[in-house]
Amino acid sequence: MAKVLPLFAIAPADQGGLALGNETYAVLRIPTAILGLALGGIFGSIVVTRRGLARSLLPLGLLMHLPLVGIAWLAAHPTAGLPTISVLFFVEYFAYGAGVCALLLAMMKMASGEEAATRYALLSTIALLASYFPGLWAGALAQHFGYAHYFLFALALAIPGLWAASAGRRAFAEA
């Protein structure tokens, strides 16, 4: 999403984009991204504190990926107004912040014990690779499928991660 969302926002309408223009996108992205990520991270922390990590992984994983439906809707309705675009972008960043919070806490728990720093560094590297590798072909896939179908395809690709979150519930079950 991180690689395609800006392309989608500034792409011309005849190419399936929102045709926002660089300046409009930048002005829109700064508050939605900063507030969304910060508030999402706080929300994710509260959820994990109240429910525990094991019971929070799947709900926060679902929350992290469900905004793709809204972004796909936006791609199918590119004439939506700036307030609608802003709300959907905010929800995307909020959900991402909450999901990343759960991911980081899970990595911290997996890394605990002797040599925790080394294990956390390894897990962080794996997470970064999982984040960056799809960016290599994301633009080409978005062009091939069109933005609306690409975002739904990305949602389908979340299924293995959601399965892992479900399996992680058993692994992180707190006594």
C-alpha atoms as a PDB file:
ATOM      1  CA  MET A   1       0.000   0.000   0.000  1.00  0.00           C
ATOM      2  CA  ALA A   2       2.764   2.423   0.891  1.00  0.00           C
ATOM      3  CA  LYS A   3       4.107   2.347  -2.661  1.00  0.00           C
ATOM      4  CA  VAL A   4       0.787   2.361  -4.538  1.00  0.00           C
ATOM      5  CA  LEU A   5      -1.350   4.765  -2.493  1.00  0.00           C
ATOM      6  CA  PRO A   6       0.647   7.857  -3.574  1.00  0.00           C
ATOM      7  CA  LEU A   7       0.559   6.705  -7.211  1.00  0.00           C
ATOM      8  CA  PHE A   8      -3.190   6.170  -6.964  1.00  0.00           C
ATOM      9  CA  ALA A   9      -3.725   9.567  -5.350  1.00  0.00           C
ATOM     10  CA  ILE A  10      -1.886  11.557  -8.016  1.00  0.00           C
ATOM     11  CA  ALA A  11      -2.676   9.439 -11.099  1.00  0.00           C
ATOM     12  CA  PRO A  12      -5.024  11.082 -13.588  1.00  0.00           C
ATOM     13  CA  ALA A  13      -8.687  10.079 -13.460  1.00  0.00           C
ATOM     14  CA  ASP A  14      -8.493   8.492 -16.921  1.00  0.00           C
ATOM     15  CA  GLN A  15      -5.891   6.093 -15.465  1.00  0.00           C
ATOM     16  CA  GLY A  16      -8.130   5.240 -12.495  1.00  0.00           C
ATOM     17  CA  GLY A  17      -6.486   7.618 -10.034  1.00  0.00           C
ATOM     18  CA  LEU A  18      -7.829  10.410  -7.880  1.00  0.00           C
ATOM     19  CA  ALA A  19      -6.019  13.177  -9.819  1.00  0.00           C
ATOM     20  CA  LEU A  20      -5.198  15.052  -6.611  1.00  0.00           C
ATOM     21  CA  GLY A  21      -1.983  16.679  -7.722  1.00  0.00           C
ATOM     22  CA  ASN A  22       1.243  16.594  -5.719  1.00  0.00           C
ATOM     23  CA  GLU A  23       0.516  19.587  -3.489  1.00  0.00           C
ATOM     24  CA  THR A  24      -3.034  18.522  -2.641  1.00  0.00           C
ATOM     25  CA  TYR A  25      -1.847  14.990  -1.878  1.00  0.00           C
ATOM     26  CA  ALA A  26       0.960  16.270   0.344  1.00  0.00           C
ATOM     27  CA  VAL A  27      -1.370  18.577   2.279  1.00  0.00           C
ATOM     28  CA  LEU A  28      -3.885  15.736   2.656  1.00  0.00           C
ATOM     29  CA  ARG A  29      -1.318  13.091   3.600  1.00  0.00           C
ATOM     30  CA  ILE A  30       0.522  14.961   6.352  1.00  0.00           C
ATOM     31  CA  PRO A  31      -2.374  15.236   8.822  1.00  0.00           C
ATOM     32  CA  THR A  32      -4.056  11.949   7.867  1.00  0.00           C
ATOM     33  CA  ALA A  33      -0.823   9.958   8.092  1.00  0.00           C
ATOM     34  CA  ILE A  34       0.584  11.559  11.227  1.00  0.00           C
ATOM     35  CA  LEU A  35      -2.674  11.592  13.175  1.00  0.00           C
ATOM     36  CA  GLY A  36      -3.819   8.243  11.833  1.00  0.00           C
ATOM     37  CA  LEU A  37      -0.575   6.418  12.621  1.00  0.00           C
ATOM     38  CA  ALA A  38      -0.207   8.015  16.058  1.00  0.00           C
ATOM     39  CA  LEU A  39      -3.813   7.457  17.123  1.00  0.00           C
ATOM     40  CA  GLY A  40      -3.814   3.971  15.600  1.00  0.00           C
ATOM     41  CA  GLY A  41      -0.685   3.055  17.541  1.00  0.00           C
ATOM     42  CA  ILE A  42      -2.244   4.328  20.765  1.00  0.00           C
ATOM     43  CA  PHE A  43      -5.452   2.435  20.014  1.00  0.00           C
ATOM     44  CA  GLY A  44      -3.492  -0.751  19.274  1.00  0.00           C
ATOM     45  CA  SER A  45      -1.607  -0.375  22.561  1.00  0.00           C
ATOM     46  CA  ILE A  46      -4.845   0.043  24.489  1.00  0.00           C
ATOM     47  CA  VAL A  47      -6.375  -3.014  22.822  1.00  0.00           C
ATOM     48  CA  VAL A  48      -3.327  -5.172  23.591  1.00  0.00           C
ATOM     49  CA  THR A  49      -3.188  -3.876  27.171  1.00  0.00           C
ATOM     50  CA  ARG A  50      -6.827  -4.741  27.794  1.00  0.00           C
ATOM     51  CA  ARG A  51      -7.126  -7.992  25.831  1.00  0.00           C
ATOM     52  CA  GLY A  52      -3.572  -9.314  25.852  1.00  0.00           C
ATOM     53  CA  LEU A  53      -1.400  -9.897  22.814  1.00  0.00           C
ATOM     54  CA  ALA A  54      -2.745 -13.359  22.012  1.00  0.00           C
ATOM     55  CA  ARG A  55      -6.380 -12.194  21.870  1.00  0.00           C
ATOM     56  CA  SER A  56      -5.492  -8.986  19.985  1.00  0.00           C
ATOM     57  CA  LEU A  57      -3.494 -10.301  17.031  1.00  0.00           C
ATOM     58  CA  LEU A  58      -6.376 -11.402  14.819  1.00  0.00           C
ATOM     59  CA  PRO A  59      -8.723  -8.452  15.498  1.00  0.00           C
ATOM     60  CA  LEU A  60      -5.919  -5.936  14.931  1.00  0.00           C
ATOM     61  CA  GLY A  61      -4.796  -7.853  11.851  1.00  0.00           C
ATOM     62  CA  LEU A  62      -8.325  -7.657  10.458  1.00  0.00           C
ATOM     63  CA  LEU A  63      -8.516  -3.971  11.341  1.00  0.00           C
ATOM     64  CA  MET A  64      -5.217  -3.387   9.567  1.00  0.00           C
ATOM     65  CA  HIS A  65      -6.447  -4.839   6.280  1.00  0.00           C
ATOM     66  CA  LEU A  66     -10.159  -4.006   6.104  1.00  0.00           C
ATOM     67  CA  PRO A  67      -9.593  -0.373   5.016  1.00  0.00           C
ATOM     68  CA  LEU A  68      -8.472  -1.792   1.676  1.00  0.00           C
ATOM     69  CA  VAL A  69     -12.174  -2.272   0.944  1.00  0.00           C
ATOM     70  CA  GLY A  70     -12.697   1.481   1.412  1.00  0.00           C
ATOM     71  CA  ILE A  71      -9.684   2.335  -0.735  1.00  0.00           C
ATOM     72  CA  ALA A  72     -10.972  -0.048  -3.437  1.00  0.00           C
ATOM     73  CA  TRP A  73     -14.352   1.694  -3.238  1.00  0.00           C
ATOM     74  CA  LEU A  74     -12.563   5.010  -3.634  1.00  0.00           C
ATOM     75  CA  ALA A  75     -10.790   3.686  -6.726  1.00  0.00           C
ATOM     76  CA  ALA A  76     -14.165   2.690  -8.173  1.00  0.00           C
ATOM     77  CA  HIS A  77     -15.570   6.155  -7.314  1.00  0.00           C
ATOM     78  CA  PRO A  78     -12.698   8.537  -8.163  1.00  0.00           C
ATOM     79  CA  THR A  79     -14.981  11.581  -8.142  1.00  0.00           C
ATOM     80  CA  ALA A  80     -15.472  11.313  -4.363  1.00  0.00           C
ATOM     81  CA  GLY A  81     -14.914  14.604  -2.614  1.00  0.00           C
ATOM     82  CA  LEU A  82     -11.807  15.573  -0.690  1.00  0.00           C
ATOM     83  CA  PRO A  83     -13.503  15.050   2.720  1.00  0.00           C
ATOM     84  CA  THR A  84     -14.346  11.440   1.782  1.00  0.00           C
ATOM     85  CA  ILE A  85     -10.825  10.846   0.496  1.00  0.00           C
ATOM     86  CA  SER A  86      -9.384  12.342   3.690  1.00  0.00           C
ATOM     87  CA  VAL A  87     -11.521  10.136   5.944  1.00  0.00           C
ATOM     88  CA  LEU A  88     -10.636   6.969   4.024  1.00  0.00           C
ATOM     89  CA  PHE A  89      -6.928   7.823   4.046  1.00  0.00           C
ATOM     90  CA  PHE A  90      -7.117   8.577   7.790  1.00  0.00           C
ATOM     91  CA  VAL A  91      -8.854   5.235   8.444  1.00  0.00           C
ATOM     92  CA  GLU A  92      -6.177   3.454   6.380  1.00  0.00           C
ATOM     93  CA  TYR A  93      -3.351   5.019   8.399  1.00  0.00           C
ATOM     94  CA  PHE A  94      -5.179   4.540  11.728  1.00  0.00           C
ATOM     95  CA  ALA A  95      -5.721   0.848  11.016  1.00  0.00           C
ATOM     96  CA  TYR A  96      -2.131   0.463   9.845  1.00  0.00           C
ATOM     97  CA  GLY A  97      -0.853   2.076  13.053  1.00  0.00           C
ATOM     98  CA  ALA A  98      -2.936  -0.287  15.196  1.00  0.00           C
ATOM     99  CA  GLY A  99      -1.802  -3.340  13.232  1.00  0.00           C
ATOM    100  CA  VAL A 100       1.860  -2.367  13.292  1.00  0.00           C
ATOM    101  CA  CYS A 101       1.598  -1.899  17.059  1.00  0.00           C
ATOM    102  CA  ALA A 102       0.472  -5.532  17.400  1.00  0.00           C
ATOM    103  CA  LEU A 103       3.218  -6.679  15.030  1.00  0.00           C
ATOM    104  CA  LEU A 104       5.943  -4.862  16.951  1.00  0.00           C
ATOM    105  CA  LEU A 105       4.692  -6.181  20.287  1.00  0.00           C
ATOM    106  CA  ALA A 106       4.579  -9.728  18.889  1.00  0.00           C
ATOM    107  CA  MET A 107       8.153  -9.352  17.615  1.00  0.00           C
ATOM    108  CA  MET A 108       9.264  -8.039  20.995  1.00  0.00           C
ATOM    109  CA  LYS A 109       7.658 -11.009  22.733  1.00  0.00           C
ATOM    110  CA  MET A 110       9.210 -13.465  20.272  1.00  0.00           C
ATOM    111  CA  ALA A 111      12.631 -11.884  20.788  1.00  0.00           C
ATOM    112  CA  SER A 112      12.578 -11.850  24.598  1.00  0.00           C
ATOM    113  CA  GLY A 113      15.174 -13.766  26.569  1.00  0.00           C
ATOM    114  CA  GLU A 114      18.871 -14.196  25.951  1.00  0.00           C
ATOM    115  CA  GLU A 115      20.173 -12.430  22.854  1.00  0.00           C
ATOM    116  CA  ALA A 116      16.892 -10.518  22.565  1.00  0.00           C
ATOM    117  CA  ALA A 117      18.491  -7.645  20.658  1.00  0.00           C
ATOM    118  CA  THR A 118      19.853  -9.996  17.994  1.00  0.00           C
ATOM    119  CA  ARG A 119      16.543 -11.817  17.607  1.00  0.00           C
ATOM    120  CA  TYR A 120      14.616  -8.529  17.448  1.00  0.00           C
ATOM    121  CA  ALA A 121      17.005  -7.228  14.789  1.00  0.00           C
ATOM    122  CA  LEU A 122      16.462 -10.395  12.747  1.00  0.00           C
ATOM    123  CA  LEU A 123      12.671 -10.194  13.103  1.00  0.00           C
ATOM    124  CA  SER A 124      12.725  -6.502  12.174  1.00  0.00           C
ATOM    125  CA  THR A 125      14.746  -7.285   9.064  1.00  0.00           C
ATOM    126  CA  ILE A 126      12.304 -10.020   8.040  1.00  0.00           C
ATOM    127  CA  ALA A 127       9.381  -7.629   8.596  1.00  0.00           C
ATOM    128  CA  LEU A 128      11.066  -4.937   6.488  1.00  0.00           C
ATOM    129  CA  LEU A 129      11.741  -7.396   3.683  1.00  0.00           C
ATOM    130  CA  ALA A 130       8.102  -8.496   3.784  1.00  0.00           C
ATOM    131  CA  SER A 131       7.131  -4.840   3.524  1.00  0.00           C
ATOM    132  CA  TYR A 132       9.545  -3.790   0.774  1.00  0.00           C
ATOM    133  CA  PHE A 133       9.599  -6.781  -1.594  1.00  0.00           C
ATOM    134  CA  PRO A 134       5.968  -6.392  -2.678  1.00  0.00           C
ATOM    135  CA  GLY A 135       6.779  -2.779  -3.549  1.00  0.00           C
ATOM    136  CA  LEU A 136       9.026  -4.043  -6.338  1.00  0.00           C
ATOM    137  CA  TRP A 137       6.061  -5.218  -8.373  1.00  0.00           C
ATOM    138  CA  ALA A 138       3.169  -3.303  -6.760  1.00  0.00           C
ATOM    139  CA  GLY A 139       3.068  -0.580  -9.392  1.00  0.00           C
ATOM    140  CA  ALA A 140       3.070  -3.074 -12.248  1.00  0.00           C
ATOM    141  CA  LEU A 141       0.283  -5.077 -10.608  1.00  0.00           C
ATOM    142  CA  ALA A 142      -1.768  -1.929 -10.022  1.00  0.00           C
ATOM    143  CA  GLN A 143      -1.406  -1.032 -13.695  1.00  0.00           C
ATOM    144  CA  HIS A 144      -2.287  -4.558 -14.770  1.00  0.00           C
ATOM    145  CA  PHE A 145      -5.375  -4.963 -12.538  1.00  0.00           C
ATOM    146  CA  GLY A 146      -6.437  -1.333 -12.244  1.00  0.00           C
ATOM    147  CA  TYR A 147      -6.419   0.324  -8.842  1.00  0.00           C
ATOM    148  CA  ALA A 148      -9.786  -0.960  -7.569  1.00  0.00           C
ATOM    149  CA  HIS A 149      -8.967  -4.585  -8.359  1.00  0.00           C
ATOM    150  CA  TYR A 150      -5.399  -4.185  -7.127  1.00  0.00           C
ATOM    151  CA  PHE A 151      -6.606  -3.073  -3.685  1.00  0.00           C
ATOM    152  CA  LEU A 152      -8.981  -6.059  -3.502  1.00  0.00           C
ATOM    153  CA  PHE A 153      -6.126  -8.327  -4.616  1.00  0.00           C
ATOM    154  CA  ALA A 154      -3.983  -6.863  -1.827  1.00  0.00           C
ATOM    155  CA  LEU A 155      -6.786  -7.658   0.615  1.00  0.00           C
ATOM    156  CA  ALA A 156      -6.802 -11.277  -0.603  1.00  0.00           C
ATOM    157  CA  LEU A 157      -3.042 -11.426  -0.075  1.00  0.00           C
ATOM    158  CA  ALA A 158      -3.646 -10.578   3.583  1.00  0.00           C
ATOM    159  CA  ILE A 159      -5.293 -13.957   4.173  1.00  0.00           C
ATOM    160  CA  PRO A 160      -2.017 -15.811   4.944  1.00  0.00           C
ATOM    161  CA  GLY A 161      -1.064 -13.083   7.418  1.00  0.00           C
ATOM    162  CA  LEU A 162      -4.450 -13.309   9.084  1.00  0.00           C
ATOM    163  CA  TRP A 163      -4.041 -17.079   9.299  1.00  0.00           C
ATOM    164  CA  ALA A 164      -0.632 -16.493  10.925  1.00  0.00           C
ATOM    165  CA  ALA A 165      -2.246 -14.081  13.387  1.00  0.00           C
ATOM    166  CA  SER A 166      -4.784 -16.756  14.252  1.00  0.00           C
ATOM    167  CA  ALA A 167      -2.010 -19.319  14.727  1.00  0.00           C
ATOM    168  CA  GLY A 168      -0.099 -16.732  16.758  1.00  0.00           C
ATOM    169  CA  ARG A 169      -3.008 -16.556  19.149  1.00  0.00           C
ATOM    170  CA  ARG A 170      -2.171 -20.067  20.304  1.00  0.00           C
ATOM    171  CA  ALA A 171       1.563 -19.391  20.355  1.00  0.00           C
ATOM    172  CA  PHE A 172       1.197 -16.178  22.370  1.00  0.00           C
ATOM    173  CA  ALA A 173      -1.475 -17.476  24.726  1.00  0.00           C
ATOM    174  CA  GLU A 174      -0.723 -15.988  28.094  1.00  0.00           C
ATOM    175  CA  ALA A 175      -0.992 -18.190  31.130  1.00  0.00           C
END
